Amino acid sequence: MKRGRSFFVENLGVRLVKNNLEHSRFTVVVSLKISKKAVDRNRLKRKIREITRLVILPKVKPGFDGVINTRKGLLELSFDDLEKNVVSLFKKARLI
């Protein structure tokens, strides 16, 4: 991941690196800085994973590994606003 490219929008970031697979893989990282409560962190991870599974993965170019990083302020967003942020992040990274 040290050699990967990074992209950021508002409260989200993604670090991408090419892999030699026929599909792309992504993971979500939510730190303790977002919330001290594991319930809140896990809920945010589940929301972002679901958006990635339903919206991003069917459209994304194959052959990338990615780490989606979160920042403060995402817990207050609705699911639709969070989806818009994730989609704009991947558009900025030119993967969809």
PDB file of N, CA and C in Angstrom:
ATOM      1  N   MET A   1       0.812  -1.199   0.000  1.00  0.00           N
ATOM      2  CA  MET A   1       0.000   0.000   0.000  1.00  0.00           C
ATOM      3  C   MET A   1       0.856   1.264   0.000  1.00  0.00           C
ATOM      4  N   LYS A   2       2.109   1.154   0.339  1.00  0.00           N
ATOM      5  CA  LYS A   2       2.977   2.335   0.339  1.00  0.00           C
ATOM      6  C   LYS A   2       3.095   2.938  -1.049  1.00  0.00           C
ATOM      7  N   ARG A   3       3.016   2.108  -2.090  1.00  0.00           N
ATOM      8  CA  ARG A   3       3.174   2.594  -3.456  1.00  0.00           C
ATOM      9  C   ARG A   3       1.842   2.975  -4.094  1.00  0.00           C
ATOM     10  N   GLY A   4       0.754   2.904  -3.343  1.00  0.00           N
ATOM     11  CA  GLY A   4      -0.564   3.172  -3.895  1.00  0.00           C
ATOM     12  C   GLY A   4      -0.849   4.658  -4.056  1.00  0.00           C
ATOM     13  N   ARG A   5      -1.941   4.939  -4.770  1.00  0.00           N
ATOM     14  CA  ARG A   5      -2.385   6.314  -4.959  1.00  0.00           C
ATOM     15  C   ARG A   5      -3.515   6.597  -3.979  1.00  0.00           C
ATOM     16  N   SER A   6      -3.589   7.841  -3.495  1.00  0.00           N
ATOM     17  CA  SER A   6      -4.627   8.231  -2.550  1.00  0.00           C
ATOM     18  C   SER A   6      -5.549   9.265  -3.161  1.00  0.00           C
ATOM     19  N   PHE A   7      -6.823   9.180  -2.810  1.00  0.00           N
ATOM     20  CA  PHE A   7      -7.830  10.139  -3.246  1.00  0.00           C
ATOM     21  C   PHE A   7      -8.703  10.472  -2.050  1.00  0.00           C
ATOM     22  N   PHE A   8      -9.136  11.740  -1.962  1.00  0.00           N
ATOM     23  CA  PHE A   8      -9.950  12.173  -0.835  1.00  0.00           C
ATOM     24  C   PHE A   8     -11.106  13.043  -1.302  1.00  0.00           C
ATOM     25  N   VAL A   9     -12.240  12.898  -0.664  1.00  0.00           N
ATOM     26  CA  VAL A   9     -13.377  13.813  -0.770  1.00  0.00           C
ATOM     27  C   VAL A   9     -13.926  13.994   0.638  1.00  0.00           C
ATOM     28  N   GLU A  10     -14.241  15.224   0.990  1.00  0.00           N
ATOM     29  CA  GLU A  10     -14.803  15.583   2.288  1.00  0.00           C
ATOM     30  C   GLU A  10     -14.252  14.726   3.429  1.00  0.00           C
ATOM     31  N   ASN A  11     -15.012  13.723   3.867  1.00  0.00           N
ATOM     32  CA  ASN A  11     -14.640  12.924   5.037  1.00  0.00           C
ATOM     33  C   ASN A  11     -14.226  11.500   4.699  1.00  0.00           C
ATOM     34  N   LEU A  12     -13.955  11.237   3.428  1.00  0.00           N
ATOM     35  CA  LEU A  12     -13.580   9.891   3.003  1.00  0.00           C
ATOM     36  C   LEU A  12     -12.294   9.935   2.190  1.00  0.00           C
ATOM     37  N   GLY A  13     -11.539   8.857   2.287  1.00  0.00           N
ATOM     38  CA  GLY A  13     -10.344   8.708   1.471  1.00  0.00           C
ATOM     39  C   GLY A  13     -10.202   7.266   1.050  1.00  0.00           C
ATOM     40  N   VAL A  14      -9.488   7.062  -0.035  1.00  0.00           N
ATOM     41  CA  VAL A  14      -9.221   5.702  -0.484  1.00  0.00           C
ATOM     42  C   VAL A  14      -7.784   5.638  -0.965  1.00  0.00           C
ATOM     43  N   ARG A  15      -7.112   4.570  -0.619  1.00  0.00           N
ATOM     44  CA  ARG A  15      -5.762   4.309  -1.112  1.00  0.00           C
ATOM     45  C   ARG A  15      -5.850   3.074  -1.986  1.00  0.00           C
ATOM     46  N   LEU A  16      -5.393   3.207  -3.230  1.00  0.00           N
ATOM     47  CA  LEU A  16      -5.522   2.141  -4.218  1.00  0.00           C
ATOM     48  C   LEU A  16      -4.161   1.648  -4.665  1.00  0.00           C
ATOM     49  N   VAL A  17      -4.094   0.350  -4.897  1.00  0.00           N
ATOM     50  CA  VAL A  17      -2.903  -0.271  -5.458  1.00  0.00           C
ATOM     51  C   VAL A  17      -3.382  -1.372  -6.411  1.00  0.00           C
ATOM     52  N   LYS A  18      -2.671  -1.530  -7.504  1.00  0.00           N
ATOM     53  CA  LYS A  18      -3.063  -2.554  -8.476  1.00  0.00           C
ATOM     54  C   LYS A  18      -2.725  -3.941  -7.961  1.00  0.00           C
ATOM     55  N   ASN A  19      -3.597  -4.899  -8.294  1.00  0.00           N
ATOM     56  CA  ASN A  19      -3.310  -6.305  -8.021  1.00  0.00           C
ATOM     57  C   ASN A  19      -3.408  -7.051  -9.346  1.00  0.00           C
ATOM     58  N   ASN A  20      -3.045  -8.276  -9.372  1.00  0.00           N
ATOM     59  CA  ASN A  20      -3.084  -9.057 -10.606  1.00  0.00           C
ATOM     60  C   ASN A  20      -4.266 -10.016 -10.636  1.00  0.00           C
ATOM     61  N   LEU A  21      -5.364  -9.593 -10.029  1.00  0.00           N
ATOM     62  CA  LEU A  21      -6.562 -10.426  -9.971  1.00  0.00           C
ATOM     63  C   LEU A  21      -7.593  -9.928 -10.971  1.00  0.00           C
ATOM     64  N   GLU A  22      -8.590 -10.743 -11.218  1.00  0.00           N
ATOM     65  CA  GLU A  22      -9.647 -10.369 -12.153  1.00  0.00           C
ATOM     66  C   GLU A  22     -10.784  -9.621 -11.464  1.00  0.00           C
ATOM     67  N   HIS A  23     -10.633  -9.315 -10.184  1.00  0.00           N
ATOM     68  CA  HIS A  23     -11.649  -8.578  -9.455  1.00  0.00           C
ATOM     69  C   HIS A  23     -10.958  -7.582  -8.519  1.00  0.00           C
ATOM     70  N   SER A  24     -11.723  -6.650  -8.026  1.00  0.00           N
ATOM     71  CA  SER A  24     -11.197  -5.651  -7.095  1.00  0.00           C
ATOM     72  C   SER A  24     -11.669  -5.969  -5.685  1.00  0.00           C
ATOM     73  N   ARG A  25     -10.836  -5.593  -4.702  1.00  0.00           N
ATOM     74  CA  ARG A  25     -11.162  -5.850  -3.300  1.00  0.00           C
ATOM     75  C   ARG A  25     -11.008  -4.552  -2.522  1.00  0.00           C
ATOM     76  N   PHE A  26     -11.914  -4.346  -1.558  1.00  0.00           N
ATOM     77  CA  PHE A  26     -11.876  -3.142  -0.745  1.00  0.00           C
ATOM     78  C   PHE A  26     -12.153  -3.487   0.702  1.00  0.00           C
ATOM     79  N   THR A  27     -11.587  -2.679   1.593  1.00  0.00           N
ATOM     80  CA  THR A  27     -11.859  -2.811   3.011  1.00  0.00           C
ATOM     81  C   THR A  27     -12.097  -1.418   3.576  1.00  0.00           C
ATOM     82  N   VAL A  28     -12.701  -1.358   4.760  1.00  0.00           N
ATOM     83  CA  VAL A  28     -13.053  -0.096   5.391  1.00  0.00           C
ATOM     84  C   VAL A  28     -12.348  -0.012   6.733  1.00  0.00           C
ATOM     85  N   VAL A  29     -11.739   1.148   7.008  1.00  0.00           N
ATOM     86  CA  VAL A  29     -11.066   1.377   8.278  1.00  0.00           C
ATOM     87  C   VAL A  29     -11.761   2.544   8.977  1.00  0.00           C
ATOM     88  N   VAL A  30     -12.238   2.298  10.201  1.00  0.00           N
ATOM     89  CA  VAL A  30     -12.858   3.337  11.019  1.00  0.00           C
ATOM     90  C   VAL A  30     -12.103   3.368  12.345  1.00  0.00           C
ATOM     91  N   SER A  31     -11.443   4.475  12.622  1.00  0.00           N
ATOM     92  CA  SER A  31     -10.596   4.540  13.813  1.00  0.00           C
ATOM     93  C   SER A  31     -11.385   4.978  15.040  1.00  0.00           C
ATOM     94  N   LEU A  32     -10.733   4.918  16.183  1.00  0.00           N
ATOM     95  CA  LEU A  32     -11.340   5.354  17.434  1.00  0.00           C
ATOM     96  C   LEU A  32     -11.597   6.852  17.446  1.00  0.00           C
ATOM     97  N   LYS A  33     -10.940   7.598  16.570  1.00  0.00           N
ATOM     98  CA  LYS A  33     -11.157   9.042  16.502  1.00  0.00           C
ATOM     99  C   LYS A  33     -12.568   9.362  16.022  1.00  0.00           C
ATOM    100  N   ILE A  34     -13.173   8.457  15.269  1.00  0.00           N
ATOM    101  CA  ILE A  34     -14.529   8.664  14.772  1.00  0.00           C
ATOM    102  C   ILE A  34     -15.530   8.566  15.914  1.00  0.00           C
ATOM    103  N   SER A  35     -15.414   7.512  16.697  1.00  0.00           N
ATOM    104  CA  SER A  35     -16.287   7.304  17.846  1.00  0.00           C
ATOM    105  C   SER A  35     -15.620   6.314  18.784  1.00  0.00           C
ATOM    106  N   LYS A  36     -15.798   6.524  20.056  1.00  0.00           N
ATOM    107  CA  LYS A  36     -15.249   5.584  21.035  1.00  0.00           C
ATOM    108  C   LYS A  36     -16.114   4.331  21.144  1.00  0.00           C
ATOM    109  N   LYS A  37     -17.343   4.421  20.641  1.00  0.00           N
ATOM    110  CA  LYS A  37     -18.278   3.301  20.744  1.00  0.00           C
ATOM    111  C   LYS A  37     -18.106   2.361  19.554  1.00  0.00           C
ATOM    112  N   ALA A  38     -17.877   1.094  19.845  1.00  0.00           N
ATOM    113  CA  ALA A  38     -17.719   0.089  18.787  1.00  0.00           C
ATOM    114  C   ALA A  38     -18.994  -0.055  17.970  1.00  0.00           C
ATOM    115  N   VAL A  39     -20.140   0.156  18.594  1.00  0.00           N
ATOM    116  CA  VAL A  39     -21.419   0.045  17.893  1.00  0.00           C
ATOM    117  C   VAL A  39     -21.476   1.062  16.742  1.00  0.00           C
ATOM    118  N   ASP A  40     -21.064   2.289  17.026  1.00  0.00           N
ATOM    119  CA  ASP A  40     -21.096   3.337  15.998  1.00  0.00           C
ATOM    120  C   ASP A  40     -20.088   3.063  14.887  1.00  0.00           C
ATOM    121  N   ARG A  41     -18.898   2.633  15.268  1.00  0.00           N
ATOM    122  CA  ARG A  41     -17.866   2.336  14.265  1.00  0.00           C
ATOM    123  C   ARG A  41     -18.294   1.181  13.365  1.00  0.00           C
ATOM    124  N   ASN A  42     -18.841   0.125  13.955  1.00  0.00           N
ATOM    125  CA  ASN A  42     -19.267  -1.036  13.173  1.00  0.00           C
ATOM    126  C   ASN A  42     -20.452  -0.707  12.275  1.00  0.00           C
ATOM    127  N   ARG A  43     -21.370   0.134  12.751  1.00  0.00           N
ATOM    128  CA  ARG A  43     -22.511   0.543  11.932  1.00  0.00           C
ATOM    129  C   ARG A  43     -22.027   1.306  10.703  1.00  0.00           C
ATOM    130  N   LEU A  44     -21.064   2.201  10.887  1.00  0.00           N
ATOM    131  CA  LEU A  44     -20.517   2.959   9.765  1.00  0.00           C
ATOM    132  C   LEU A  44     -19.805   2.033   8.779  1.00  0.00           C
ATOM    133  N   LYS A  45     -19.044   1.074   9.288  1.00  0.00           N
ATOM    134  CA  LYS A  45     -18.375   0.098   8.411  1.00  0.00           C
ATOM    135  C   LYS A  45     -19.388  -0.697   7.595  1.00  0.00           C
ATOM    136  N   ARG A  46     -20.460  -1.145   8.243  1.00  0.00           N
ATOM    137  CA  ARG A  46     -21.478  -1.923   7.540  1.00  0.00           C
ATOM    138  C   ARG A  46     -22.148  -1.106   6.450  1.00  0.00           C
ATOM    139  N   LYS A  47     -22.423   0.156   6.737  1.00  0.00           N
ATOM    140  CA  LYS A  47     -23.048   1.020   5.725  1.00  0.00           C
ATOM    141  C   LYS A  47     -22.131   1.185   4.512  1.00  0.00           C
ATOM    142  N   ILE A  48     -20.862   1.467   4.757  1.00  0.00           N
ATOM    143  CA  ILE A  48     -19.934   1.688   3.648  1.00  0.00           C
ATOM    144  C   ILE A  48     -19.697   0.398   2.874  1.00  0.00           C
ATOM    145  N   ARG A  49     -19.599  -0.720   3.561  1.00  0.00           N
ATOM    146  CA  ARG A  49     -19.448  -2.011   2.874  1.00  0.00           C
ATOM    147  C   ARG A  49     -20.658  -2.310   1.993  1.00  0.00           C
ATOM    148  N   GLU A  50     -21.848  -2.003   2.484  1.00  0.00           N
ATOM    149  CA  GLU A  50     -23.058  -2.261   1.712  1.00  0.00           C
ATOM    150  C   GLU A  50     -23.109  -1.370   0.471  1.00  0.00           C
ATOM    151  N   ILE A  51     -22.743  -0.117   0.616  1.00  0.00           N
ATOM    152  CA  ILE A  51     -22.686   0.787  -0.535  1.00  0.00           C
ATOM    153  C   ILE A  51     -21.666   0.274  -1.538  1.00  0.00           C
ATOM    154  N   THR A  52     -20.533  -0.163  -1.052  1.00  0.00           N
ATOM    155  CA  THR A  52     -19.493  -0.693  -1.934  1.00  0.00           C
ATOM    156  C   THR A  52     -19.977  -1.941  -2.658  1.00  0.00           C
ATOM    157  N   ARG A  53     -20.657  -2.819  -1.944  1.00  0.00           N
ATOM    158  CA  ARG A  53     -21.132  -4.071  -2.534  1.00  0.00           C
ATOM    159  C   ARG A  53     -22.202  -3.833  -3.593  1.00  0.00           C
ATOM    160  N   LEU A  54     -23.149  -2.942  -3.305  1.00  0.00           N
ATOM    161  CA  LEU A  54     -24.280  -2.744  -4.203  1.00  0.00           C
ATOM    162  C   LEU A  54     -23.991  -1.788  -5.358  1.00  0.00           C
ATOM    163  N   VAL A  55     -23.267  -0.714  -5.087  1.00  0.00           N
ATOM    164  CA  VAL A  55     -23.110   0.347  -6.077  1.00  0.00           C
ATOM    165  C   VAL A  55     -21.740   0.322  -6.755  1.00  0.00           C
ATOM    166  N   ILE A  56     -20.702   0.143  -5.976  1.00  0.00           N
ATOM    167  CA  ILE A  56     -19.339   0.315  -6.494  1.00  0.00           C
ATOM    168  C   ILE A  56     -18.841  -0.940  -7.208  1.00  0.00           C
ATOM    169  N   LEU A  57     -18.898  -2.093  -6.576  1.00  0.00           N
ATOM    170  CA  LEU A  57     -18.305  -3.304  -7.151  1.00  0.00           C
ATOM    171  C   LEU A  57     -18.850  -3.696  -8.518  1.00  0.00           C
ATOM    172  N   PRO A  58     -20.157  -3.547  -8.787  1.00  0.00           N
ATOM    173  CA  PRO A  58     -20.613  -3.901 -10.143  1.00  0.00           C
ATOM    174  C   PRO A  58     -20.039  -3.001 -11.245  1.00  0.00           C
ATOM    175  N   LYS A  59     -19.645  -1.763 -10.897  1.00  0.00           N
ATOM    176  CA  LYS A  59     -19.174  -0.806 -11.892  1.00  0.00           C
ATOM    177  C   LYS A  59     -17.660  -0.618 -11.919  1.00  0.00           C
ATOM    178  N   VAL A  60     -16.979  -1.039 -10.884  1.00  0.00           N
ATOM    179  CA  VAL A  60     -15.561  -0.708 -10.726  1.00  0.00           C
ATOM    180  C   VAL A  60     -14.686  -1.501 -11.693  1.00  0.00           C
ATOM    181  N   LYS A  61     -13.589  -0.900 -12.087  1.00  0.00           N
ATOM    182  CA  LYS A  61     -12.628  -1.583 -12.952  1.00  0.00           C
ATOM    183  C   LYS A  61     -11.972  -2.720 -12.168  1.00  0.00           C
ATOM    184  N   PRO A  62     -11.691  -3.828 -12.795  1.00  0.00           N
ATOM    185  CA  PRO A  62     -11.056  -4.940 -12.077  1.00  0.00           C
ATOM    186  C   PRO A  62      -9.572  -4.692 -11.862  1.00  0.00           C
ATOM    187  N   GLY A  63      -9.023  -5.364 -10.855  1.00  0.00           N
ATOM    188  CA  GLY A  63      -7.587  -5.347 -10.645  1.00  0.00           C
ATOM    189  C   GLY A  63      -7.087  -4.329  -9.648  1.00  0.00           C
ATOM    190  N   PHE A  64      -7.886  -3.955  -8.645  1.00  0.00           N
ATOM    191  CA  PHE A  64      -7.453  -2.987  -7.646  1.00  0.00           C
ATOM    192  C   PHE A  64      -7.739  -3.505  -6.245  1.00  0.00           C
ATOM    193  N   ASP A  65      -6.839  -3.206  -5.328  1.00  0.00           N
ATOM    194  CA  ASP A  65      -7.062  -3.376  -3.903  1.00  0.00           C
ATOM    195  C   ASP A  65      -7.190  -1.982  -3.320  1.00  0.00           C
ATOM    196  N   GLY A  66      -8.116  -1.805  -2.374  1.00  0.00           N
ATOM    197  CA  GLY A  66      -8.314  -0.482  -1.821  1.00  0.00           C
ATOM    198  C   GLY A  66      -8.640  -0.502  -0.352  1.00  0.00           C
ATOM    199  N   VAL A  67      -8.208   0.555   0.332  1.00  0.00           N
ATOM    200  CA  VAL A  67      -8.532   0.762   1.734  1.00  0.00           C
ATOM    201  C   VAL A  67      -9.304   2.073   1.820  1.00  0.00           C
ATOM    202  N   ILE A  68     -10.529   2.004   2.301  1.00  0.00           N
ATOM    203  CA  ILE A  68     -11.360   3.187   2.450  1.00  0.00           C
ATOM    204  C   ILE A  68     -11.185   3.700   3.871  1.00  0.00           C
ATOM    205  N   ASN A  69     -10.674   4.920   3.999  1.00  0.00           N
ATOM    206  CA  ASN A  69     -10.437   5.538   5.300  1.00  0.00           C
ATOM    207  C   ASN A  69     -11.534   6.549   5.588  1.00  0.00           C
ATOM    208  N   THR A  70     -11.942   6.616   6.841  1.00  0.00           N
ATOM    209  CA  THR A  70     -13.003   7.520   7.243  1.00  0.00           C
ATOM    210  C   THR A  70     -12.442   8.627   8.129  1.00  0.00           C
ATOM    211  N   ARG A  71     -13.164   9.729   8.162  1.00  0.00           N
ATOM    212  CA  ARG A  71     -12.821  10.849   9.024  1.00  0.00           C
ATOM    213  C   ARG A  71     -14.058  11.261   9.803  1.00  0.00           C
ATOM    214  N   LYS A  72     -13.880  12.175  10.740  1.00  0.00           N
ATOM    215  CA  LYS A  72     -15.007  12.616  11.567  1.00  0.00           C
ATOM    216  C   LYS A  72     -16.099  13.247  10.724  1.00  0.00           C
ATOM    217  N   GLY A  73     -17.317  13.141  11.199  1.00  0.00           N
ATOM    218  CA  GLY A  73     -18.450  13.752  10.534  1.00  0.00           C
ATOM    219  C   GLY A  73     -19.319  12.789   9.755  1.00  0.00           C
ATOM    220  N   LEU A  74     -18.866  11.580   9.553  1.00  0.00           N
ATOM    221  CA  LEU A  74     -19.634  10.617   8.762  1.00  0.00           C
ATOM    222  C   LEU A  74     -20.792  10.006   9.534  1.00  0.00           C
ATOM    223  N   LEU A  75     -20.702   9.989  10.852  1.00  0.00           N
ATOM    224  CA  LEU A  75     -21.763   9.377  11.651  1.00  0.00           C
ATOM    225  C   LEU A  75     -23.067  10.157  11.549  1.00  0.00           C
ATOM    226  N   GLU A  76     -22.982  11.469  11.302  1.00  0.00           N
ATOM    227  CA  GLU A  76     -24.176  12.299  11.235  1.00  0.00           C
ATOM    228  C   GLU A  76     -24.859  12.244   9.868  1.00  0.00           C
ATOM    229  N   LEU A  77     -24.185  11.705   8.862  1.00  0.00           N
ATOM    230  CA  LEU A  77     -24.740  11.669   7.514  1.00  0.00           C
ATOM    231  C   LEU A  77     -25.804  10.586   7.373  1.00  0.00           C
ATOM    232  N   SER A  78     -26.792  10.872   6.551  1.00  0.00           N
ATOM    233  CA  SER A  78     -27.788   9.852   6.236  1.00  0.00           C
ATOM    234  C   SER A  78     -27.165   8.846   5.261  1.00  0.00           C
ATOM    235  N   PHE A  79     -27.864   7.737   5.056  1.00  0.00           N
ATOM    236  CA  PHE A  79     -27.352   6.701   4.161  1.00  0.00           C
ATOM    237  C   PHE A  79     -27.207   7.233   2.739  1.00  0.00           C
ATOM    238  N   ASP A  80     -28.164   8.037   2.283  1.00  0.00           N
ATOM    239  CA  ASP A  80     -28.106   8.589   0.925  1.00  0.00           C
ATOM    240  C   ASP A  80     -26.934   9.538   0.747  1.00  0.00           C
ATOM    241  N   ASP A  81     -26.689  10.394   1.750  1.00  0.00           N
ATOM    242  CA  ASP A  81     -25.553  11.318   1.671  1.00  0.00           C
ATOM    243  C   ASP A  81     -24.233  10.563   1.703  1.00  0.00           C
ATOM    244  N   LEU A  82     -24.172   9.519   2.532  1.00  0.00           N
ATOM    245  CA  LEU A  82     -22.969   8.696   2.591  1.00  0.00           C
ATOM    246  C   LEU A  82     -22.731   8.011   1.255  1.00  0.00           C
ATOM    247  N   GLU A  83     -23.793   7.533   0.626  1.00  0.00           N
ATOM    248  CA  GLU A  83     -23.668   6.900  -0.682  1.00  0.00           C
ATOM    249  C   GLU A  83     -23.146   7.883  -1.725  1.00  0.00           C
ATOM    250  N   LYS A  84     -23.632   9.112  -1.704  1.00  0.00           N
ATOM    251  CA  LYS A  84     -23.156  10.138  -2.641  1.00  0.00           C
ATOM    252  C   LYS A  84     -21.667  10.403  -2.447  1.00  0.00           C
ATOM    253  N   ASN A  85     -21.227  10.454  -1.188  1.00  0.00           N
ATOM    254  CA  ASN A  85     -19.805  10.679  -0.912  1.00  0.00           C
ATOM    255  C   ASN A  85     -18.943   9.532  -1.419  1.00  0.00           C
ATOM    256  N   VAL A  86     -19.386   8.306  -1.192  1.00  0.00           N
ATOM    257  CA  VAL A  86     -18.610   7.144  -1.630  1.00  0.00           C
ATOM    258  C   VAL A  86     -18.545   7.092  -3.159  1.00  0.00           C
ATOM    259  N   VAL A  87     -19.656   7.352  -3.819  1.00  0.00           N
ATOM    260  CA  VAL A  87     -19.674   7.343  -5.284  1.00  0.00           C
ATOM    261  C   VAL A  87     -18.775   8.445  -5.832  1.00  0.00           C
ATOM    262  N   SER A  88     -18.834   9.640  -5.245  1.00  0.00           N
ATOM    263  CA  SER A  88     -17.977  10.729  -5.729  1.00  0.00           C
ATOM    264  C   SER A  88     -16.506  10.424  -5.481  1.00  0.00           C
ATOM    265  N   LEU A  89     -16.199   9.717  -4.395  1.00  0.00           N
ATOM    266  CA  LEU A  89     -14.818   9.319  -4.126  1.00  0.00           C
ATOM    267  C   LEU A  89     -14.297   8.394  -5.214  1.00  0.00           C
ATOM    268  N   PHE A  90     -15.089   7.412  -5.598  1.00  0.00           N
ATOM    269  CA  PHE A  90     -14.644   6.469  -6.624  1.00  0.00           C
ATOM    270  C   PHE A  90     -14.645   7.091  -8.019  1.00  0.00           C
ATOM    271  N   LYS A  91     -15.501   8.077  -8.245  1.00  0.00           N
ATOM    272  CA  LYS A  91     -15.438   8.804  -9.516  1.00  0.00           C
ATOM    273  C   LYS A  91     -14.176   9.641  -9.590  1.00  0.00           C
ATOM    274  N   LYS A  92     -13.808  10.254  -8.464  1.00  0.00           N
ATOM    275  CA  LYS A  92     -12.588  11.052  -8.418  1.00  0.00           C
ATOM    276  C   LYS A  92     -11.363  10.166  -8.662  1.00  0.00           C
ATOM    277  N   ALA A  93     -11.420   8.933  -8.156  1.00  0.00           N
ATOM    278  CA  ALA A  93     -10.314   7.986  -8.356  1.00  0.00           C
ATOM    279  C   ALA A  93     -10.347   7.375  -9.752  1.00  0.00           C
ATOM    280  N   ARG A  94     -11.369   7.704 -10.550  1.00  0.00           N
ATOM    281  CA  ARG A  94     -11.546   7.220 -11.922  1.00  0.00           C
ATOM    282  C   ARG A  94     -11.662   5.697 -11.995  1.00  0.00           C
ATOM    283  N   LEU A  95     -12.362   5.119 -11.030  1.00  0.00           N
ATOM    284  CA  LEU A  95     -12.595   3.677 -11.056  1.00  0.00           C
ATOM    285  C   LEU A  95     -13.984   3.330 -11.569  1.00  0.00           C
ATOM    286  N   ILE A  96     -14.901   4.306 -11.536  1.00  0.00           N
ATOM    287  CA  ILE A  96     -16.229   4.084 -12.121  1.00  0.00           C
ATOM    288  C   ILE A  96     -16.561   5.224 -13.052  1.00  0.00           C
TER     289      ILE A  96
END
